[in-house]
PDB file of all heavy atoms in Angstrom:
ATOM      1  N   LEU A   1       0.822  -1.126  -0.031  1.00  0.00           N
ATOM      2  CA  LEU A   1      -0.034  -0.007   0.009  1.00  0.00           C
ATOM      3  C   LEU A   1       0.880   1.292   0.023  1.00  0.00           C
ATOM      4  O   LEU A   1       0.472   2.168  -0.712  1.00  0.00           O
ATOM      5  CB  LEU A   1      -0.896   0.037   1.219  1.00  0.00           C
ATOM      6  CG  LEU A   1      -2.137  -0.723   0.970  1.00  0.00           C
ATOM      7  CD1 LEU A   1      -2.946  -0.828   2.362  1.00  0.00           C
ATOM      8  CD2 LEU A   1      -3.143  -0.131   0.121  1.00  0.00           C
ATOM      9  N   GLY A   2       1.964   1.225   0.859  1.00  0.00           N
ATOM     10  CA  GLY A   2       2.748   2.450   0.921  1.00  0.00           C
ATOM     11  C   GLY A   2       3.789   2.588  -0.321  1.00  0.00           C
ATOM     12  O   GLY A   2       3.719   3.642  -0.932  1.00  0.00           O
ATOM     13  N   ALA A   3       4.438   1.538  -0.569  1.00  0.00           N
ATOM     14  CA  ALA A   3       5.561   1.582  -1.565  1.00  0.00           C
ATOM     15  C   ALA A   3       4.957   1.743  -3.018  1.00  0.00           C
ATOM     16  O   ALA A   3       5.588   2.381  -3.816  1.00  0.00           O
ATOM     17  CB  ALA A   3       6.486   0.423  -1.429  1.00  0.00           C
ATOM     18  N   GLN A   4       3.910   1.061  -3.206  1.00  0.00           N
ATOM     19  CA  GLN A   4       3.320   0.939  -4.624  1.00  0.00           C
ATOM     20  C   GLN A   4       2.306   2.047  -4.888  1.00  0.00           C
ATOM     21  O   GLN A   4       2.162   2.487  -6.028  1.00  0.00           O
ATOM     22  CB  GLN A   4       2.621  -0.417  -4.850  1.00  0.00           C
ATOM     23  CG  GLN A   4       3.600  -1.552  -4.823  1.00  0.00           C
ATOM     24  CD  GLN A   4       4.636  -1.538  -5.898  1.00  0.00           C
ATOM     25  OE1 GLN A   4       4.355  -1.285  -6.965  1.00  0.00           O
ATOM     26  NE2 GLN A   4       5.999  -1.816  -5.478  1.00  0.00           N
ATOM     27  N   PHE A   5       1.602   2.447  -3.880  1.00  0.00           N
ATOM     28  CA  PHE A   5       0.449   3.291  -3.943  1.00  0.00           C
ATOM     29  C   PHE A   5       0.477   4.562  -3.133  1.00  0.00           C
ATOM     30  O   PHE A   5      -0.568   5.386  -3.212  1.00  0.00           O
ATOM     31  CB  PHE A   5      -0.873   2.611  -3.801  1.00  0.00           C
ATOM     32  CG  PHE A   5      -1.211   1.472  -4.722  1.00  0.00           C
ATOM     33  CD1 PHE A   5      -0.865   0.223  -4.210  1.00  0.00           C
ATOM     34  CD2 PHE A   5      -1.598   1.711  -5.980  1.00  0.00           C
ATOM     35  CE1 PHE A   5      -1.008  -0.935  -5.188  1.00  0.00           C
ATOM     36  CE2 PHE A   5      -1.913   0.664  -6.893  1.00  0.00           C
ATOM     37  CZ  PHE A   5      -1.556  -0.739  -6.537  1.00  0.00           C
ATOM     38  N   GLN A   6       1.399   4.708  -2.243  1.00  0.00           N
ATOM     39  CA  GLN A   6       1.531   5.908  -1.374  1.00  0.00           C
ATOM     40  C   GLN A   6       0.268   6.009  -0.610  1.00  0.00           C
ATOM     41  O   GLN A   6      -0.278   7.173  -0.232  1.00  0.00           O
ATOM     42  CB  GLN A   6       1.838   7.288  -2.213  1.00  0.00           C
ATOM     43  CG  GLN A   6       3.229   7.167  -2.735  1.00  0.00           C
ATOM     44  CD  GLN A   6       3.394   6.386  -4.105  1.00  0.00           C
ATOM     45  OE1 GLN A   6       2.505   6.382  -4.907  1.00  0.00           O
ATOM     46  NE2 GLN A   6       4.264   5.480  -4.053  1.00  0.00           N
ATOM     47  N   ARG A   7      -0.249   4.805  -0.126  1.00  0.00           N
ATOM     48  CA  ARG A   7      -1.558   4.887   0.623  1.00  0.00           C
ATOM     49  C   ARG A   7      -1.381   4.103   1.958  1.00  0.00           C
ATOM     50  O   ARG A   7      -2.329   3.558   2.437  1.00  0.00           O
ATOM     51  CB  ARG A   7      -2.685   4.327  -0.186  1.00  0.00           C
ATOM     52  CG  ARG A   7      -3.134   5.028  -1.393  1.00  0.00           C
ATOM     53  CD  ARG A   7      -3.742   6.421  -1.028  1.00  0.00           C
ATOM     54  NE  ARG A   7      -4.977   6.179  -0.124  1.00  0.00           N
ATOM     55  CZ  ARG A   7      -5.636   7.377   0.350  1.00  0.00           C
ATOM     56  NH1 ARG A   7      -5.267   8.468   0.007  1.00  0.00           N
ATOM     57  NH2 ARG A   7      -6.594   7.061   1.089  1.00  0.00           N
ATOM     58  N   ALA A   8      -0.277   4.115   2.514  1.00  0.00           N
ATOM     59  CA  ALA A   8       0.053   3.416   3.867  1.00  0.00           C
ATOM     60  C   ALA A   8      -0.896   4.084   4.900  1.00  0.00           C
ATOM     61  O   ALA A   8      -1.114   5.331   4.977  1.00  0.00           O
ATOM     62  CB  ALA A   8       1.386   3.492   4.206  1.00  0.00           C
ATOM     63  N   TYR A   9      -1.316   3.241   5.927  1.00  0.00           N
ATOM     64  CA  TYR A   9      -2.079   3.878   7.119  1.00  0.00           C
ATOM     65  C   TYR A   9      -1.149   3.903   8.249  1.00  0.00           C
ATOM     66  O   TYR A   9      -0.330   3.065   8.512  1.00  0.00           O
ATOM     67  CB  TYR A   9      -3.321   2.745   7.380  1.00  0.00           C
ATOM     68  CG  TYR A   9      -4.314   2.730   6.379  1.00  0.00           C
ATOM     69  CD1 TYR A   9      -4.212   1.967   5.197  1.00  0.00           C
ATOM     70  CD2 TYR A   9      -5.504   3.418   6.628  1.00  0.00           C
ATOM     71  CE1 TYR A   9      -5.286   1.995   4.362  1.00  0.00           C
ATOM     72  CE2 TYR A   9      -6.658   3.473   5.719  1.00  0.00           C
ATOM     73  CZ  TYR A   9      -6.437   2.712   4.492  1.00  0.00           C
ATOM     74  OH  TYR A   9      -7.422   2.683   3.658  1.00  0.00           O
ATOM     75  N   PRO A  10      -1.331   4.965   9.027  1.00  0.00           N
ATOM     76  CA  PRO A  10      -0.551   5.179  10.256  1.00  0.00           C
ATOM     77  C   PRO A  10      -0.903   4.163  11.455  1.00  0.00           C
ATOM     78  O   PRO A  10      -0.080   4.038  12.265  1.00  0.00           O
ATOM     79  CB  PRO A  10      -0.781   6.625  10.594  1.00  0.00           C
ATOM     80  CG  PRO A  10      -2.179   6.845  10.064  1.00  0.00           C
ATOM     81  CD  PRO A  10      -2.302   6.032   8.716  1.00  0.00           C
ATOM     82  N   HIS A  11      -2.033   3.645  11.330  1.00  0.00           N
ATOM     83  CA  HIS A  11      -2.555   2.775  12.464  1.00  0.00           C
ATOM     84  C   HIS A  11      -2.989   1.372  12.001  1.00  0.00           C
ATOM     85  O   HIS A  11      -3.859   1.428  11.234  1.00  0.00           O
ATOM     86  CB  HIS A  11      -3.579   3.553  13.206  1.00  0.00           C
ATOM     87  CG  HIS A  11      -3.220   4.837  13.572  1.00  0.00           C
ATOM     88  ND1 HIS A  11      -2.313   5.078  14.694  1.00  0.00           N
ATOM     89  CD2 HIS A  11      -3.663   6.052  13.169  1.00  0.00           C
ATOM     90  CE1 HIS A  11      -2.272   6.449  14.870  1.00  0.00           C
ATOM     91  NE2 HIS A  11      -2.932   7.057  13.990  1.00  0.00           N
ATOM     92  N   VAL A  12      -2.317   0.353  12.337  1.00  0.00           N
ATOM     93  CA  VAL A  12      -2.538  -1.020  11.809  1.00  0.00           C
ATOM     94  C   VAL A  12      -2.564  -1.927  13.059  1.00  0.00           C
ATOM     95  O   VAL A  12      -1.669  -2.028  13.860  1.00  0.00           O
ATOM     96  CB  VAL A  12      -1.450  -1.434  10.986  1.00  0.00           C
ATOM     97  CG1 VAL A  12      -1.846  -2.900  10.335  1.00  0.00           C
ATOM     98  CG2 VAL A  12      -1.373  -0.592   9.755  1.00  0.00           C
ATOM     99  N   MET A  13      -3.649  -2.664  13.210  1.00  0.00           N
ATOM    100  CA  MET A  13      -3.792  -3.553  14.311  1.00  0.00           C
ATOM    101  C   MET A  13      -4.461  -4.883  13.949  1.00  0.00           C
ATOM    102  O   MET A  13      -5.424  -4.850  13.126  1.00  0.00           O
ATOM    103  CB  MET A  13      -4.600  -2.955  15.475  1.00  0.00           C
ATOM    104  CG  MET A  13      -4.663  -3.783  16.813  1.00  0.00           C
ATOM    105  SD  MET A  13      -3.095  -4.539  17.355  1.00  0.00           S
ATOM    106  CE  MET A  13      -2.247  -2.955  17.785  1.00  0.00           C
ATOM    107  N   LEU A  14      -4.091  -5.970  14.559  1.00  0.00           N
ATOM    108  CA  LEU A  14      -4.747  -7.321  14.340  1.00  0.00           C
ATOM    109  C   LEU A  14      -4.380  -8.090  15.556  1.00  0.00           C
ATOM    110  O   LEU A  14      -3.163  -8.216  15.954  1.00  0.00           O
ATOM    111  CB  LEU A  14      -4.224  -7.941  13.074  1.00  0.00           C
ATOM    112  CG  LEU A  14      -4.814  -9.377  12.723  1.00  0.00           C
ATOM    113  CD1 LEU A  14      -4.803  -9.614  11.172  1.00  0.00           C
ATOM    114  CD2 LEU A  14      -4.059 -10.428  13.460  1.00  0.00           C
ATOM    115  N   VAL A  15      -5.420  -8.672  16.202  1.00  0.00           N
ATOM    116  CA  VAL A  15      -5.201  -9.603  17.319  1.00  0.00           C
ATOM    117  C   VAL A  15      -5.521 -11.064  16.753  1.00  0.00           C
ATOM    118  O   VAL A  15      -6.432 -11.369  16.229  1.00  0.00           O
ATOM    119  CB  VAL A  15      -6.169  -9.285  18.388  1.00  0.00           C
ATOM    120  CG1 VAL A  15      -5.955 -10.249  19.559  1.00  0.00           C
ATOM    121  CG2 VAL A  15      -5.931  -7.796  18.826  1.00  0.00           C
ATOM    122  N   ASP A  16      -4.427 -11.914  16.915  1.00  0.00           N
ATOM    123  CA  ASP A  16      -4.596 -13.373  16.452  1.00  0.00           C
ATOM    124  C   ASP A  16      -5.818 -13.858  17.191  1.00  0.00           C
ATOM    125  O   ASP A  16      -5.947 -13.728  18.469  1.00  0.00           O
ATOM    126  CB  ASP A  16      -3.323 -14.087  16.882  1.00  0.00           C
ATOM    127  CG  ASP A  16      -2.183 -13.780  15.828  1.00  0.00           C
ATOM    128  OD1 ASP A  16      -2.647 -13.391  14.757  1.00  0.00           O
ATOM    129  OD2 ASP A  16      -1.034 -13.961  16.245  1.00  0.00           O
ATOM    130  N   GLY A  17      -6.689 -14.557  16.448  1.00  0.00           N
ATOM    131  CA  GLY A  17      -7.935 -15.196  16.895  1.00  0.00           C
ATOM    132  C   GLY A  17      -7.714 -16.720  17.168  1.00  0.00           C
ATOM    133  O   GLY A  17      -6.723 -17.285  17.415  1.00  0.00           O
ATOM    134  N   ASN A  18      -9.015 -17.324  17.024  1.00  0.00           N
ATOM    135  CA  ASN A  18      -9.093 -18.789  17.285  1.00  0.00           C
ATOM    136  C   ASN A  18      -8.785 -19.546  16.043  1.00  0.00           C
ATOM    137  O   ASN A  18      -8.841 -20.828  16.230  1.00  0.00           O
ATOM    138  CB  ASN A  18     -10.607 -18.969  17.808  1.00  0.00           C
ATOM    139  CG  ASN A  18     -10.823 -18.358  19.115  1.00  0.00           C
ATOM    140  OD1 ASN A  18      -9.849 -18.314  20.057  1.00  0.00           O
ATOM    141  ND2 ASN A  18     -11.880 -17.840  19.369  1.00  0.00           N
ATOM    142  N   ASP A  19      -8.504 -19.037  14.923  1.00  0.00           N
ATOM    143  CA  ASP A  19      -8.308 -19.956  13.798  1.00  0.00           C
ATOM    144  C   ASP A  19      -6.831 -20.013  13.504  1.00  0.00           C
ATOM    145  O   ASP A  19      -6.043 -19.042  13.229  1.00  0.00           O
ATOM    146  CB  ASP A  19      -8.957 -19.230  12.539  1.00  0.00           C
ATOM    147  CG  ASP A  19      -9.013 -20.176  11.332  1.00  0.00           C
ATOM    148  OD1 ASP A  19      -8.105 -20.925  11.130  1.00  0.00           O
ATOM    149  OD2 ASP A  19     -10.010 -20.127  10.633  1.00  0.00           O
ATOM    150  N   ASP A  20      -6.364 -21.248  13.678  1.00  0.00           N
ATOM    151  CA  ASP A  20      -4.929 -21.515  13.513  1.00  0.00           C
ATOM    152  C   ASP A  20      -4.420 -21.676  12.040  1.00  0.00           C
ATOM    153  O   ASP A  20      -3.268 -22.042  11.814  1.00  0.00           O
ATOM    154  CB  ASP A  20      -4.493 -22.770  14.413  1.00  0.00           C
ATOM    155  CG  ASP A  20      -5.104 -24.082  13.875  1.00  0.00           C
ATOM    156  OD1 ASP A  20      -5.905 -24.044  12.768  1.00  0.00           O
ATOM    157  OD2 ASP A  20      -4.789 -25.174  14.506  1.00  0.00           O
ATOM    158  N   ARG A  21      -5.300 -21.250  11.178  1.00  0.00           N
ATOM    159  CA  ARG A  21      -4.848 -21.377   9.697  1.00  0.00           C
ATOM    160  C   ARG A  21      -4.324 -20.015   9.227  1.00  0.00           C
ATOM    161  O   ARG A  21      -3.921 -19.839   7.939  1.00  0.00           O
ATOM    162  CB  ARG A  21      -6.041 -21.841   8.875  1.00  0.00           C
ATOM    163  CG  ARG A  21      -6.677 -23.179   9.201  1.00  0.00           C
ATOM    164  CD  ARG A  21      -7.939 -23.346   8.392  1.00  0.00           C
ATOM    165  NE  ARG A  21      -8.952 -22.506   8.714  1.00  0.00           N
ATOM    166  CZ  ARG A  21     -10.150 -22.504   8.185  1.00  0.00           C
ATOM    167  NH1 ARG A  21     -10.425 -23.318   7.206  1.00  0.00           N
ATOM    168  NH2 ARG A  21     -11.024 -21.583   8.485  1.00  0.00           N
ATOM    169  N   GLY A  22      -4.161 -19.045  10.105  1.00  0.00           N
ATOM    170  CA  GLY A  22      -3.829 -17.672   9.565  1.00  0.00           C
ATOM    171  C   GLY A  22      -4.821 -16.896   8.909  1.00  0.00           C
ATOM    172  O   GLY A  22      -4.662 -16.405   7.793  1.00  0.00           O
ATOM    173  N   ILE A  23      -6.093 -17.008   9.403  1.00  0.00           N
ATOM    174  CA  ILE A  23      -7.224 -16.312   8.898  1.00  0.00           C
ATOM    175  C   ILE A  23      -7.797 -15.355  10.039  1.00  0.00           C
ATOM    176  O   ILE A  23      -8.638 -15.842  10.972  1.00  0.00           O
ATOM    177  CB  ILE A  23      -8.221 -17.278   8.297  1.00  0.00           C
ATOM    178  CG1 ILE A  23      -7.709 -18.063   7.277  1.00  0.00           C
ATOM    179  CG2 ILE A  23      -9.569 -16.481   7.878  1.00  0.00           C
ATOM    180  CD1 ILE A  23      -8.645 -19.156   6.635  1.00  0.00           C
ATOM    181  N   ASP A  24      -7.393 -14.109  10.123  1.00  0.00           N
ATOM    182  CA  ASP A  24      -7.669 -13.157  11.150  1.00  0.00           C
ATOM    183  C   ASP A  24      -8.461 -11.932  10.549  1.00  0.00           C
ATOM    184  O   ASP A  24      -8.452 -11.696   9.379  1.00  0.00           O
ATOM    185  CB  ASP A  24      -6.540 -12.893  11.954  1.00  0.00           C
ATOM    186  CG  ASP A  24      -6.139 -14.053  12.907  1.00  0.00           C
ATOM    187  OD1 ASP A  24      -6.840 -14.612  13.669  1.00  0.00           O
ATOM    188  OD2 ASP A  24      -4.855 -14.449  12.597  1.00  0.00           O
ATOM    189  N   VAL A  25      -8.927 -11.205  11.574  1.00  0.00           N
ATOM    190  CA  VAL A  25      -9.605  -9.949  11.209  1.00  0.00           C
ATOM    191  C   VAL A  25      -8.668  -8.835  11.793  1.00  0.00           C
ATOM    192  O   VAL A  25      -8.483  -8.874  13.026  1.00  0.00           O
ATOM    193  CB  VAL A  25     -11.070  -9.822  11.664  1.00  0.00           C
ATOM    194  CG1 VAL A  25     -11.944 -10.803  10.774  1.00  0.00           C
ATOM    195  CG2 VAL A  25     -11.218 -10.135  13.097  1.00  0.00           C
ATOM    196  N   GLY A  26      -8.433  -7.776  10.952  1.00  0.00           N
ATOM    197  CA  GLY A  26      -7.741  -6.629  11.594  1.00  0.00           C
ATOM    198  C   GLY A  26      -8.256  -5.376  11.076  1.00  0.00           C
ATOM    199  O   GLY A  26      -9.259  -5.290  10.503  1.00  0.00           O
ATOM    200  N   ILE A  27      -7.530  -4.235  11.333  1.00  0.00           N
ATOM    201  CA  ILE A  27      -8.102  -2.921  11.074  1.00  0.00           C
ATOM    202  C   ILE A  27      -6.976  -1.943  10.546  1.00  0.00           C
ATOM    203  O   ILE A  27      -5.814  -2.106  11.050  1.00  0.00           O
ATOM    204  CB  ILE A  27      -8.859  -2.296  12.219  1.00  0.00           C
ATOM    205  CG1 ILE A  27      -9.473  -0.921  11.805  1.00  0.00           C
ATOM    206  CG2 ILE A  27      -7.849  -1.980  13.400  1.00  0.00           C
ATOM    207  CD1 ILE A  27     -10.650  -0.653  12.881  1.00  0.00           C
ATOM    208  N   LEU A  28      -7.197  -1.236   9.518  1.00  0.00           N
ATOM    209  CA  LEU A  28      -6.370  -0.183   9.046  1.00  0.00           C
ATOM    210  C   LEU A  28      -6.988   1.078   9.289  1.00  0.00           C
ATOM    211  O   LEU A  28      -8.152   1.283   8.830  1.00  0.00           O
ATOM    212  CB  LEU A  28      -6.050  -0.421   7.559  1.00  0.00           C
ATOM    213  CG  LEU A  28      -5.341  -1.731   7.210  1.00  0.00           C
ATOM    214  CD1 LEU A  28      -5.367  -1.948   5.628  1.00  0.00           C
ATOM    215  CD2 LEU A  28      -3.883  -1.823   7.700  1.00  0.00           C
ATOM    216  N   SER A  29      -6.394   2.090   9.955  1.00  0.00           N
ATOM    217  CA  SER A  29      -7.031   3.403  10.253  1.00  0.00           C
ATOM    218  C   SER A  29      -6.287   4.484   9.983  1.00  0.00           C
ATOM    219  O   SER A  29      -5.000   4.569  10.310  1.00  0.00           O
ATOM    220  CB  SER A  29      -7.511   3.292  11.646  1.00  0.00           C
ATOM    221  OG  SER A  29      -8.059   4.503  12.097  1.00  0.00           O
ATOM    222  N   ARG A  30      -6.762   5.571   9.669  1.00  0.00           N
ATOM    223  CA  ARG A  30      -6.096   6.840   9.445  1.00  0.00           C
ATOM    224  C   ARG A  30      -6.158   7.721  10.708  1.00  0.00           C
ATOM    225  O   ARG A  30      -5.466   8.643  10.858  1.00  0.00           O
ATOM    226  CB  ARG A  30      -6.799   7.833   8.398  1.00  0.00           C
ATOM    227  CG  ARG A  30      -6.872   7.051   7.034  1.00  0.00           C
ATOM    228  CD  ARG A  30      -5.978   7.779   5.928  1.00  0.00           C
ATOM    229  NE  ARG A  30      -5.815   6.912   4.772  1.00  0.00           N
ATOM    230  CZ  ARG A  30      -4.654   6.333   4.454  1.00  0.00           C
ATOM    231  NH1 ARG A  30      -3.684   6.418   5.183  1.00  0.00           N
ATOM    232  NH2 ARG A  30      -4.611   5.470   3.404  1.00  0.00           N
ATOM    233  N   PHE A  31      -6.859   7.243  11.670  1.00  0.00           N
ATOM    234  CA  PHE A  31      -7.138   7.870  12.959  1.00  0.00           C
ATOM    235  C   PHE A  31      -6.625   6.928  14.094  1.00  0.00           C
ATOM    236  O   PHE A  31      -6.547   5.727  13.983  1.00  0.00           O
ATOM    237  CB  PHE A  31      -8.531   8.376  13.007  1.00  0.00           C
ATOM    238  CG  PHE A  31      -9.003   9.073  12.008  1.00  0.00           C
ATOM    239  CD1 PHE A  31     -10.021   8.555  11.161  1.00  0.00           C
ATOM    240  CD2 PHE A  31      -8.589  10.206  11.482  1.00  0.00           C
ATOM    241  CE1 PHE A  31     -10.508   9.128  10.074  1.00  0.00           C
ATOM    242  CE2 PHE A  31      -8.968  10.867  10.342  1.00  0.00           C
ATOM    243  CZ  PHE A  31      -9.983  10.387   9.709  1.00  0.00           C
ATOM    244  N   PRO A  32      -6.164   7.548  15.300  1.00  0.00           N
ATOM    245  CA  PRO A  32      -5.641   6.721  16.362  1.00  0.00           C
ATOM    246  C   PRO A  32      -6.652   5.728  16.923  1.00  0.00           C
ATOM    247  O   PRO A  32      -7.932   5.962  17.068  1.00  0.00           O
ATOM    248  CB  PRO A  32      -5.258   7.801  17.393  1.00  0.00           C
ATOM    249  CG  PRO A  32      -5.151   9.050  16.692  1.00  0.00           C
ATOM    250  CD  PRO A  32      -6.173   8.970  15.540  1.00  0.00           C
ATOM    251  N   ILE A  33      -6.066   4.523  17.267  1.00  0.00           N
ATOM    252  CA  ILE A  33      -7.012   3.538  17.957  1.00  0.00           C
ATOM    253  C   ILE A  33      -6.728   3.817  19.437  1.00  0.00           C
ATOM    254  O   ILE A  33      -5.596   3.628  20.063  1.00  0.00           O
ATOM    255  CB  ILE A  33      -6.474   2.137  17.713  1.00  0.00           C
ATOM    256  CG1 ILE A  33      -6.676   1.912  16.123  1.00  0.00           C
ATOM    257  CG2 ILE A  33      -7.215   1.130  18.424  1.00  0.00           C
ATOM    258  CD1 ILE A  33      -5.970   0.618  15.581  1.00  0.00           C
ATOM    259  N   ASP A  34      -7.828   4.164  20.214  1.00  0.00           N
ATOM    260  CA  ASP A  34      -7.788   4.677  21.550  1.00  0.00           C
ATOM    261  C   ASP A  34      -7.846   3.317  22.541  1.00  0.00           C
ATOM    262  O   ASP A  34      -7.346   3.515  23.522  1.00  0.00           O
ATOM    263  CB  ASP A  34      -8.875   5.546  21.808  1.00  0.00           C
ATOM    264  CG  ASP A  34      -8.802   6.243  23.224  1.00  0.00           C
ATOM    265  OD1 ASP A  34      -7.759   6.738  23.556  1.00  0.00           O
ATOM    266  OD2 ASP A  34      -9.832   6.130  24.021  1.00  0.00           O
ATOM    267  N   ALA A  35      -8.593   2.357  22.068  1.00  0.00           N
ATOM    268  CA  ALA A  35      -8.710   1.251  22.957  1.00  0.00           C
ATOM    269  C   ALA A  35      -9.026   0.035  22.112  1.00  0.00           C
ATOM    270  O   ALA A  35      -9.529   0.126  21.007  1.00  0.00           O
ATOM    271  CB  ALA A  35      -9.921   1.477  23.932  1.00  0.00           C
ATOM    272  N   LEU A  36      -8.688  -1.138  22.734  1.00  0.00           N
ATOM    273  CA  LEU A  36      -8.960  -2.404  21.974  1.00  0.00           C
ATOM    274  C   LEU A  36      -9.543  -3.527  22.969  1.00  0.00           C
ATOM    275  O   LEU A  36      -8.822  -3.569  24.117  1.00  0.00           O
ATOM    276  CB  LEU A  36      -7.709  -2.794  21.379  1.00  0.00           C
ATOM    277  CG  LEU A  36      -7.528  -4.319  20.948  1.00  0.00           C
ATOM    278  CD1 LEU A  36      -8.636  -4.554  19.858  1.00  0.00           C
ATOM    279  CD2 LEU A  36      -6.167  -4.625  20.239  1.00  0.00           C
ATOM    280  N   ARG A  37     -10.449  -4.215  22.688  1.00  0.00           N
ATOM    281  CA  ARG A  37     -10.903  -5.264  23.510  1.00  0.00           C
ATOM    282  C   ARG A  37     -11.082  -6.521  22.743  1.00  0.00           C
ATOM    283  O   ARG A  37     -11.831  -6.528  21.688  1.00  0.00           O
ATOM    284  CB  ARG A  37     -12.215  -4.905  24.355  1.00  0.00           C
ATOM    285  CG  ARG A  37     -12.752  -6.000  25.202  1.00  0.00           C
ATOM    286  CD  ARG A  37     -14.041  -5.563  25.837  1.00  0.00           C
ATOM    287  NE  ARG A  37     -14.473  -6.534  26.821  1.00  0.00           N
ATOM    288  CZ  ARG A  37     -15.704  -6.396  27.394  1.00  0.00           C
ATOM    289  NH1 ARG A  37     -16.445  -5.481  27.042  1.00  0.00           N
ATOM    290  NH2 ARG A  37     -16.201  -7.403  28.173  1.00  0.00           N
ATOM    291  N   SER A  38     -10.583  -7.689  23.083  1.00  0.00           N
ATOM    292  CA  SER A  38     -10.722  -8.954  22.423  1.00  0.00           C
ATOM    293  C   SER A  38     -11.964  -9.836  22.977  1.00  0.00           C
ATOM    294  O   SER A  38     -12.161  -9.739  24.136  1.00  0.00           O
ATOM    295  CB  SER A  38      -9.405  -9.742  22.366  1.00  0.00           C
ATOM    296  OG  SER A  38      -9.596 -10.939  21.937  1.00  0.00           O
ATOM    297  N   HIS A  39     -12.380 -10.652  22.089  1.00  0.00           N
ATOM    298  CA  HIS A  39     -13.460 -11.575  22.672  1.00  0.00           C
ATOM    299  C   HIS A  39     -13.199 -12.981  22.249  1.00  0.00           C
ATOM    300  O   HIS A  39     -14.088 -13.839  22.036  1.00  0.00           O
ATOM    301  CB  HIS A  39     -14.893 -11.184  22.131  1.00  0.00           C
ATOM    302  CG  HIS A  39     -15.431  -9.922  22.776  1.00  0.00           C
ATOM    303  ND1 HIS A  39     -16.038  -9.910  24.052  1.00  0.00           N
ATOM    304  CD2 HIS A  39     -15.340  -8.608  22.292  1.00  0.00           C
ATOM    305  CE1 HIS A  39     -16.358  -8.664  24.178  1.00  0.00           C
ATOM    306  NE2 HIS A  39     -15.945  -7.986  23.466  1.00  0.00           N
ATOM    307  N   VAL A  40     -11.910 -13.303  22.138  1.00  0.00           N
ATOM    308  CA  VAL A  40     -11.515 -14.623  21.778  1.00  0.00           C
ATOM    309  C   VAL A  40     -11.915 -15.751  22.608  1.00  0.00           C
ATOM    310  O   VAL A  40     -12.168 -16.863  22.253  1.00  0.00           O
ATOM    311  CB  VAL A  40      -9.966 -14.695  21.399  1.00  0.00           C
ATOM    312  CG1 VAL A  40      -9.502 -14.032  20.233  1.00  0.00           C
ATOM    313  CG2 VAL A  40      -9.137 -14.413  22.764  1.00  0.00           C
TER     314      VAL A  40
END
């Protein structure tokens, strides 16, 4: 995203979940992440 399109995000987060195949949900944000809570 950054090197090819100059569209990198300043805030990137992903919490590994319950799937051991490497299939998770994350977030890319232009604005700060103030808090995070997991429900794994």
